[in-house]
Amino acid sequence: MNAVTITAKGQVTLRKELLRHLGVHPGDKISFDKLPGGEIKIRAIRPSGKIEDFFGSLKREGQRPISIEEMNEAIEKGWAGQL
């Protein structure tokens, strides 16, 4: 049994051992399911999206798309310390 303390704000901190068991890292999400008898089931939420769902998510209103050539040029300048 792994006991944790509840803070005055109602927060709990899970031990690293439990987080490793869940396979989660900072920024990941977990879900809680209420079970009968006052028990709670905790599980890691695994991303279920596809890469296609990400396309267009960085688009900003009024900003034109840039070409692959422009991206490559920016990458080269970044590696050369010119940015």
PDB file of N, CA and C in Angstrom:
ATOM      1  N   MET A   1       0.847  -1.182   0.000  1.00  0.00           N
ATOM      2  CA  MET A   1       0.000   0.000   0.000  1.00  0.00           C
ATOM      3  C   MET A   1       0.887   1.239   0.000  1.00  0.00           C
ATOM      4  N   ASN A   2       0.558   2.195  -0.837  1.00  0.00           N
ATOM      5  CA  ASN A   2       1.298   3.448  -0.930  1.00  0.00           C
ATOM      6  C   ASN A   2       0.407   4.582  -0.437  1.00  0.00           C
ATOM      7  N   ALA A   3       0.670   5.090   0.738  1.00  0.00           N
ATOM      8  CA  ALA A   3      -0.131   6.168   1.306  1.00  0.00           C
ATOM      9  C   ALA A   3       0.467   7.514   0.925  1.00  0.00           C
ATOM     10  N   VAL A   4      -0.393   8.487   0.678  1.00  0.00           N
ATOM     11  CA  VAL A   4       0.036   9.857   0.401  1.00  0.00           C
ATOM     12  C   VAL A   4      -0.733  10.793   1.315  1.00  0.00           C
ATOM     13  N   THR A   5      -0.197  11.979   1.508  1.00  0.00           N
ATOM     14  CA  THR A   5      -0.833  12.972   2.361  1.00  0.00           C
ATOM     15  C   THR A   5      -1.605  13.968   1.506  1.00  0.00           C
ATOM     16  N   ILE A   6      -2.757  14.359   1.961  1.00  0.00           N
ATOM     17  CA  ILE A   6      -3.570  15.353   1.270  1.00  0.00           C
ATOM     18  C   ILE A   6      -3.218  16.723   1.837  1.00  0.00           C
ATOM     19  N   THR A   7      -2.930  17.691   0.948  1.00  0.00           N
ATOM     20  CA  THR A   7      -2.594  19.045   1.402  1.00  0.00           C
ATOM     21  C   THR A   7      -3.863  19.805   1.771  1.00  0.00           C
ATOM     22  N   ALA A   8      -3.683  20.972   2.350  1.00  0.00           N
ATOM     23  CA  ALA A   8      -4.818  21.817   2.722  1.00  0.00           C
ATOM     24  C   ALA A   8      -5.634  22.221   1.497  1.00  0.00           C
ATOM     25  N   LYS A   9      -4.996  22.247   0.319  1.00  0.00           N
ATOM     26  CA  LYS A   9      -5.690  22.586  -0.931  1.00  0.00           C
ATOM     27  C   LYS A   9      -6.372  21.374  -1.553  1.00  0.00           C
ATOM     28  N   GLY A  10      -6.243  20.204  -0.922  1.00  0.00           N
ATOM     29  CA  GLY A  10      -6.848  18.992  -1.451  1.00  0.00           C
ATOM     30  C   GLY A  10      -6.004  18.314  -2.510  1.00  0.00           C
ATOM     31  N   GLN A  11      -4.734  18.655  -2.579  1.00  0.00           N
ATOM     32  CA  GLN A  11      -3.844  18.073  -3.570  1.00  0.00           C
ATOM     33  C   GLN A  11      -3.079  16.889  -2.994  1.00  0.00           C
ATOM     34  N   VAL A  12      -2.717  15.971  -3.887  1.00  0.00           N
ATOM     35  CA  VAL A  12      -1.890  14.837  -3.485  1.00  0.00           C
ATOM     36  C   VAL A  12      -0.698  14.757  -4.431  1.00  0.00           C
ATOM     37  N   THR A  13       0.387  14.221  -3.937  1.00  0.00           N
ATOM     38  CA  THR A  13       1.576  14.005  -4.754  1.00  0.00           C
ATOM     39  C   THR A  13       1.843  12.510  -4.797  1.00  0.00           C
ATOM     40  N   LEU A  14       1.920  11.987  -6.013  1.00  0.00           N
ATOM     41  CA  LEU A  14       2.208  10.565  -6.161  1.00  0.00           C
ATOM     42  C   LEU A  14       3.714  10.354  -6.163  1.00  0.00           C
ATOM     43  N   ARG A  15       4.144   9.299  -5.542  1.00  0.00           N
ATOM     44  CA  ARG A  15       5.571   8.979  -5.474  1.00  0.00           C
ATOM     45  C   ARG A  15       6.090   8.605  -6.864  1.00  0.00           C
ATOM     46  N   LYS A  16       7.391   8.860  -7.066  1.00  0.00           N
ATOM     47  CA  LYS A  16       8.024   8.562  -8.351  1.00  0.00           C
ATOM     48  C   LYS A  16       7.813   7.107  -8.750  1.00  0.00           C
ATOM     49  N   GLU A  17       7.850   6.230  -7.774  1.00  0.00           N
ATOM     50  CA  GLU A  17       7.648   4.800  -8.024  1.00  0.00           C
ATOM     51  C   GLU A  17       6.298   4.549  -8.708  1.00  0.00           C
ATOM     52  N   LEU A  18       5.243   5.222  -8.231  1.00  0.00           N
ATOM     53  CA  LEU A  18       3.921   5.057  -8.829  1.00  0.00           C
ATOM     54  C   LEU A  18       3.851   5.691 -10.209  1.00  0.00           C
ATOM     55  N   LEU A  19       4.489   6.838 -10.373  1.00  0.00           N
ATOM     56  CA  LEU A  19       4.492   7.496 -11.680  1.00  0.00           C
ATOM     57  C   LEU A  19       5.225   6.643 -12.708  1.00  0.00           C
ATOM     58  N   ARG A  20       6.337   6.035 -12.293  1.00  0.00           N
ATOM     59  CA  ARG A  20       7.067   5.125 -13.190  1.00  0.00           C
ATOM     60  C   ARG A  20       6.197   3.930 -13.560  1.00  0.00           C
ATOM     61  N   HIS A  21       5.481   3.402 -12.559  1.00  0.00           N
ATOM     62  CA  HIS A  21       4.592   2.262 -12.804  1.00  0.00           C
ATOM     63  C   HIS A  21       3.527   2.622 -13.848  1.00  0.00           C
ATOM     64  N   LEU A  22       3.020   3.852 -13.775  1.00  0.00           N
ATOM     65  CA  LEU A  22       2.031   4.309 -14.749  1.00  0.00           C
ATOM     66  C   LEU A  22       2.666   4.652 -16.099  1.00  0.00           C
ATOM     67  N   GLY A  23       3.980   4.876 -16.081  1.00  0.00           N
ATOM     68  CA  GLY A  23       4.681   5.246 -17.311  1.00  0.00           C
ATOM     69  C   GLY A  23       4.435   6.687 -17.704  1.00  0.00           C
ATOM     70  N   VAL A  24       4.240   7.564 -16.709  1.00  0.00           N
ATOM     71  CA  VAL A  24       3.962   8.967 -17.002  1.00  0.00           C
ATOM     72  C   VAL A  24       5.142   9.841 -16.607  1.00  0.00           C
ATOM     73  N   HIS A  25       5.187  11.005 -17.244  1.00  0.00           N
ATOM     74  CA  HIS A  25       6.248  11.984 -17.021  1.00  0.00           C
ATOM     75  C   HIS A  25       5.618  13.357 -16.848  1.00  0.00           C
ATOM     76  N   PRO A  26       6.392  14.351 -16.391  1.00  0.00           N
ATOM     77  CA  PRO A  26       5.825  15.694 -16.246  1.00  0.00           C
ATOM     78  C   PRO A  26       5.149  16.151 -17.539  1.00  0.00           C
ATOM     79  N   GLY A  27       3.953  16.669 -17.405  1.00  0.00           N
ATOM     80  CA  GLY A  27       3.179  17.127 -18.556  1.00  0.00           C
ATOM     81  C   GLY A  27       2.205  16.092 -19.093  1.00  0.00           C
ATOM     82  N   ASP A  28       2.402  14.816 -18.758  1.00  0.00           N
ATOM     83  CA  ASP A  28       1.469  13.771 -19.179  1.00  0.00           C
ATOM     84  C   ASP A  28       0.179  13.897 -18.375  1.00  0.00           C
ATOM     85  N   LYS A  29      -0.842  13.203 -18.827  1.00  0.00           N
ATOM     86  CA  LYS A  29      -2.130  13.248 -18.140  1.00  0.00           C
ATOM     87  C   LYS A  29      -2.492  11.870 -17.606  1.00  0.00           C
ATOM     88  N   ILE A  30      -3.233  11.879 -16.493  1.00  0.00           N
ATOM     89  CA  ILE A  30      -3.767  10.646 -15.923  1.00  0.00           C
ATOM     90  C   ILE A  30      -5.262  10.858 -15.697  1.00  0.00           C
ATOM     91  N   SER A  31      -5.989   9.749 -15.641  1.00  0.00           N
ATOM     92  CA  SER A  31      -7.427   9.853 -15.383  1.00  0.00           C
ATOM     93  C   SER A  31      -7.766   9.100 -14.105  1.00  0.00           C
ATOM     94  N   PHE A  32      -8.861   9.510 -13.501  1.00  0.00           N
ATOM     95  CA  PHE A  32      -9.344   8.906 -12.271  1.00  0.00           C
ATOM     96  C   PHE A  32     -10.765   8.415 -12.511  1.00  0.00           C
ATOM     97  N   ASP A  33     -11.016   7.163 -12.211  1.00  0.00           N
ATOM     98  CA  ASP A  33     -12.363   6.598 -12.324  1.00  0.00           C
ATOM     99  C   ASP A  33     -12.843   6.223 -10.928  1.00  0.00           C
ATOM    100  N   LYS A  34     -14.046   6.700 -10.567  1.00  0.00           N
ATOM    101  CA  LYS A  34     -14.617   6.353  -9.269  1.00  0.00           C
ATOM    102  C   LYS A  34     -15.186   4.944  -9.329  1.00  0.00           C
ATOM    103  N   LEU A  35     -14.814   4.132  -8.363  1.00  0.00           N
ATOM    104  CA  LEU A  35     -15.300   2.762  -8.249  1.00  0.00           C
ATOM    105  C   LEU A  35     -16.149   2.635  -6.994  1.00  0.00           C
ATOM    106  N   PRO A  36     -16.949   1.591  -6.896  1.00  0.00           N
ATOM    107  CA  PRO A  36     -17.759   1.394  -5.685  1.00  0.00           C
ATOM    108  C   PRO A  36     -16.874   1.236  -4.442  1.00  0.00           C
ATOM    109  N   GLY A  37     -17.417   1.564  -3.310  1.00  0.00           N
ATOM    110  CA  GLY A  37     -16.719   1.370  -2.044  1.00  0.00           C
ATOM    111  C   GLY A  37     -15.666   2.426  -1.760  1.00  0.00           C
ATOM    112  N   GLY A  38     -15.735   3.573  -2.429  1.00  0.00           N
ATOM    113  CA  GLY A  38     -14.786   4.647  -2.156  1.00  0.00           C
ATOM    114  C   GLY A  38     -13.420   4.448  -2.792  1.00  0.00           C
ATOM    115  N   GLU A  39     -13.294   3.536  -3.753  1.00  0.00           N
ATOM    116  CA  GLU A  39     -12.010   3.313  -4.421  1.00  0.00           C
ATOM    117  C   GLU A  39     -11.937   4.128  -5.705  1.00  0.00           C
ATOM    118  N   ILE A  40     -10.711   4.406  -6.105  1.00  0.00           N
ATOM    119  CA  ILE A  40     -10.465   5.156  -7.335  1.00  0.00           C
ATOM    120  C   ILE A  40      -9.439   4.405  -8.168  1.00  0.00           C
ATOM    121  N   LYS A  41      -9.701   4.318  -9.455  1.00  0.00           N
ATOM    122  CA  LYS A  41      -8.770   3.702 -10.397  1.00  0.00           C
ATOM    123  C   LYS A  41      -8.023   4.829 -11.106  1.00  0.00           C
ATOM    124  N   ILE A  42      -6.686   4.757 -11.111  1.00  0.00           N
ATOM    125  CA  ILE A  42      -5.851   5.760 -11.763  1.00  0.00           C
ATOM    126  C   ILE A  42      -5.175   5.091 -12.954  1.00  0.00           C
ATOM    127  N   ARG A  43      -5.196   5.761 -14.108  1.00  0.00           N
ATOM    128  CA  ARG A  43      -4.491   5.219 -15.263  1.00  0.00           C
ATOM    129  C   ARG A  43      -3.944   6.347 -16.122  1.00  0.00           C
ATOM    130  N   ALA A  44      -2.895   6.035 -16.851  1.00  0.00           N
ATOM    131  CA  ALA A  44      -2.287   7.005 -17.750  1.00  0.00           C
ATOM    132  C   ALA A  44      -3.182   7.183 -18.968  1.00  0.00           C
ATOM    133  N   ILE A  45      -3.255   8.412 -19.447  1.00  0.00           N
ATOM    134  CA  ILE A  45      -3.984   8.683 -20.680  1.00  0.00           C
ATOM    135  C   ILE A  45      -2.961   8.653 -21.806  1.00  0.00           C
ATOM    136  N   ARG A  46      -3.171   7.765 -22.740  1.00  0.00           N
ATOM    137  CA  ARG A  46      -2.272   7.625 -23.878  1.00  0.00           C
ATOM    138  C   ARG A  46      -2.822   8.428 -25.052  1.00  0.00           C
ATOM    139  N   PRO A  47      -1.978   9.213 -25.706  1.00  0.00           N
ATOM    140  CA  PRO A  47      -2.460   9.965 -26.869  1.00  0.00           C
ATOM    141  C   PRO A  47      -3.040   9.007 -27.910  1.00  0.00           C
ATOM    142  N   SER A  48      -4.178   9.360 -28.438  1.00  0.00           N
ATOM    143  CA  SER A  48      -4.816   8.486 -29.416  1.00  0.00           C
ATOM    144  C   SER A  48      -4.921   9.148 -30.779  1.00  0.00           C
ATOM    145  N   GLY A  49      -4.408  10.374 -30.894  1.00  0.00           N
ATOM    146  CA  GLY A  49      -4.509  11.096 -32.149  1.00  0.00           C
ATOM    147  C   GLY A  49      -3.531  10.595 -33.197  1.00  0.00           C
ATOM    148  N   LYS A  50      -3.730  11.095 -34.397  1.00  0.00           N
ATOM    149  CA  LYS A  50      -2.861  10.773 -35.517  1.00  0.00           C
ATOM    150  C   LYS A  50      -2.069  12.022 -35.876  1.00  0.00           C
ATOM    151  N   ILE A  51      -0.962  11.847 -36.553  1.00  0.00           N
ATOM    152  CA  ILE A  51      -0.134  12.986 -36.952  1.00  0.00           C
ATOM    153  C   ILE A  51      -0.949  13.954 -37.812  1.00  0.00           C
ATOM    154  N   GLU A  52      -1.880  13.422 -38.570  1.00  0.00           N
ATOM    155  CA  GLU A  52      -2.715  14.281 -39.423  1.00  0.00           C
ATOM    156  C   GLU A  52      -3.517  15.282 -38.590  1.00  0.00           C
ATOM    157  N   ASP A  53      -3.845  14.908 -37.360  1.00  0.00           N
ATOM    158  CA  ASP A  53      -4.597  15.806 -36.480  1.00  0.00           C
ATOM    159  C   ASP A  53      -3.774  17.026 -36.094  1.00  0.00           C
ATOM    160  N   PHE A  54      -2.450  16.913 -36.172  1.00  0.00           N
ATOM    161  CA  PHE A  54      -1.557  18.012 -35.797  1.00  0.00           C
ATOM    162  C   PHE A  54      -1.396  19.026 -36.924  1.00  0.00           C
ATOM    163  N   PHE A  55      -1.524  18.569 -38.157  1.00  0.00           N
ATOM    164  CA  PHE A  55      -1.317  19.453 -39.301  1.00  0.00           C
ATOM    165  C   PHE A  55      -2.205  20.695 -39.190  1.00  0.00           C
ATOM    166  N   GLY A  56      -1.611  21.843 -39.387  1.00  0.00           N
ATOM    167  CA  GLY A  56      -2.345  23.102 -39.350  1.00  0.00           C
ATOM    168  C   GLY A  56      -2.506  23.690 -37.962  1.00  0.00           C
ATOM    169  N   SER A  57      -2.079  22.978 -36.929  1.00  0.00           N
ATOM    170  CA  SER A  57      -2.289  23.469 -35.565  1.00  0.00           C
ATOM    171  C   SER A  57      -1.402  24.667 -35.226  1.00  0.00           C
ATOM    172  N   LEU A  58      -0.322  24.865 -35.972  1.00  0.00           N
ATOM    173  CA  LEU A  58       0.576  25.996 -35.702  1.00  0.00           C
ATOM    174  C   LEU A  58       0.246  27.211 -36.562  1.00  0.00           C
ATOM    175  N   LYS A  59      -0.747  27.087 -37.424  1.00  0.00           N
ATOM    176  CA  LYS A  59      -1.120  28.185 -38.307  1.00  0.00           C
ATOM    177  C   LYS A  59      -1.625  29.373 -37.496  1.00  0.00           C
ATOM    178  N   ARG A  60      -1.155  30.547 -37.865  1.00  0.00           N
ATOM    179  CA  ARG A  60      -1.584  31.777 -37.197  1.00  0.00           C
ATOM    180  C   ARG A  60      -2.278  32.676 -38.220  1.00  0.00           C
ATOM    181  N   GLU A  61      -3.356  33.290 -37.825  1.00  0.00           N
ATOM    182  CA  GLU A  61      -4.125  34.173 -38.694  1.00  0.00           C
ATOM    183  C   GLU A  61      -3.226  35.293 -39.224  1.00  0.00           C
ATOM    184  N   GLY A  62      -3.261  35.509 -40.513  1.00  0.00           N
ATOM    185  CA  GLY A  62      -2.474  36.583 -41.121  1.00  0.00           C
ATOM    186  C   GLY A  62      -1.032  36.209 -41.414  1.00  0.00           C
ATOM    187  N   GLN A  63      -0.617  35.021 -41.073  1.00  0.00           N
ATOM    188  CA  GLN A  63       0.761  34.595 -41.309  1.00  0.00           C
ATOM    189  C   GLN A  63       0.773  33.646 -42.503  1.00  0.00           C
ATOM    190  N   ARG A  64       1.626  33.946 -43.479  1.00  0.00           N
ATOM    191  CA  ARG A  64       1.664  33.101 -44.675  1.00  0.00           C
ATOM    192  C   ARG A  64       2.450  31.830 -44.394  1.00  0.00           C
ATOM    193  N   PRO A  65       2.078  30.746 -45.064  1.00  0.00           N
ATOM    194  CA  PRO A  65       2.847  29.498 -44.906  1.00  0.00           C
ATOM    195  C   PRO A  65       4.252  29.669 -45.475  1.00  0.00           C
ATOM    196  N   ILE A  66       5.216  28.958 -44.911  1.00  0.00           N
ATOM    197  CA  ILE A  66       6.565  29.035 -45.462  1.00  0.00           C
ATOM    198  C   ILE A  66       6.879  27.717 -46.173  1.00  0.00           C
ATOM    199  N   SER A  67       7.787  27.812 -47.133  1.00  0.00           N
ATOM    200  CA  SER A  67       8.135  26.643 -47.934  1.00  0.00           C
ATOM    201  C   SER A  67       9.162  25.779 -47.200  1.00  0.00           C
ATOM    202  N   ILE A  68       9.338  24.566 -47.707  1.00  0.00           N
ATOM    203  CA  ILE A  68      10.362  23.667 -47.170  1.00  0.00           C
ATOM    204  C   ILE A  68      11.737  24.316 -47.316  1.00  0.00           C
ATOM    205  N   GLU A  69      11.955  24.982 -48.437  1.00  0.00           N
ATOM    206  CA  GLU A  69      13.240  25.644 -48.658  1.00  0.00           C
ATOM    207  C   GLU A  69      13.499  26.709 -47.598  1.00  0.00           C
ATOM    208  N   GLU A  70      12.459  27.489 -47.268  1.00  0.00           N
ATOM    209  CA  GLU A  70      12.602  28.517 -46.229  1.00  0.00           C
ATOM    210  C   GLU A  70      12.864  27.884 -44.862  1.00  0.00           C
ATOM    211  N   MET A  71      12.201  26.766 -44.587  1.00  0.00           N
ATOM    212  CA  MET A  71      12.441  26.055 -43.320  1.00  0.00           C
ATOM    213  C   MET A  71      13.884  25.574 -43.250  1.00  0.00           C
ATOM    214  N   ASN A  72      14.354  24.964 -44.344  1.00  0.00           N
ATOM    215  CA  ASN A  72      15.728  24.464 -44.381  1.00  0.00           C
ATOM    216  C   ASN A  72      16.740  25.595 -44.216  1.00  0.00           C
ATOM    217  N   GLU A  73      16.471  26.737 -44.841  1.00  0.00           N
ATOM    218  CA  GLU A  73      17.361  27.891 -44.708  1.00  0.00           C
ATOM    219  C   GLU A  73      17.409  28.372 -43.253  1.00  0.00           C
ATOM    220  N   ALA A  74      16.259  28.420 -42.595  1.00  0.00           N
ATOM    221  CA  ALA A  74      16.216  28.840 -41.187  1.00  0.00           C
ATOM    222  C   ALA A  74      16.966  27.846 -40.311  1.00  0.00           C
ATOM    223  N   ILE A  75      16.837  26.552 -40.604  1.00  0.00           N
ATOM    224  CA  ILE A  75      17.540  25.529 -39.843  1.00  0.00           C
ATOM    225  C   ILE A  75      19.045  25.698 -40.011  1.00  0.00           C
ATOM    226  N   GLU A  76      19.498  25.901 -41.246  1.00  0.00           N
ATOM    227  CA  GLU A  76      20.927  26.096 -41.518  1.00  0.00           C
ATOM    228  C   GLU A  76      21.476  27.310 -40.770  1.00  0.00           C
ATOM    229  N   LYS A  77      20.721  28.407 -40.796  1.00  0.00           N
ATOM    230  CA  LYS A  77      21.153  29.624 -40.091  1.00  0.00           C
ATOM    231  C   LYS A  77      21.204  29.377 -38.583  1.00  0.00           C
ATOM    232  N   GLY A  78      20.244  28.632 -38.078  1.00  0.00           N
ATOM    233  CA  GLY A  78      20.232  28.327 -36.641  1.00  0.00           C
ATOM    234  C   GLY A  78      21.451  27.520 -36.244  1.00  0.00           C
ATOM    235  N   TRP A  79      21.781  26.498 -37.024  1.00  0.00           N
ATOM    236  CA  TRP A  79      22.957  25.680 -36.731  1.00  0.00           C
ATOM    237  C   TRP A  79      24.232  26.494 -36.850  1.00  0.00           C
ATOM    238  N   ALA A  80      24.244  27.478 -37.751  1.00  0.00           N
ATOM    239  CA  ALA A  80      25.443  28.298 -37.952  1.00  0.00           C
ATOM    240  C   ALA A  80      25.526  29.428 -36.922  1.00  0.00           C
ATOM    241  N   GLY A  81      24.513  29.547 -36.061  1.00  0.00           N
ATOM    242  CA  GLY A  81      24.519  30.600 -35.035  1.00  0.00           C
ATOM    243  C   GLY A  81      24.182  31.963 -35.582  1.00  0.00           C
ATOM    244  N   GLN A  82      23.500  32.010 -36.713  1.00  0.00           N
ATOM    245  CA  GLN A  82      23.163  33.278 -37.361  1.00  0.00           C
ATOM    246  C   GLN A  82      21.775  33.794 -36.976  1.00  0.00           C
ATOM    247  N   LEU A  83      21.093  33.103 -36.124  1.00  0.00           N
ATOM    248  CA  LEU A  83      19.757  33.568 -35.696  1.00  0.00           C
ATOM    249  C   LEU A  83      19.812  34.027 -34.254  1.00  0.00           C
TER     250      LEU A  83
END
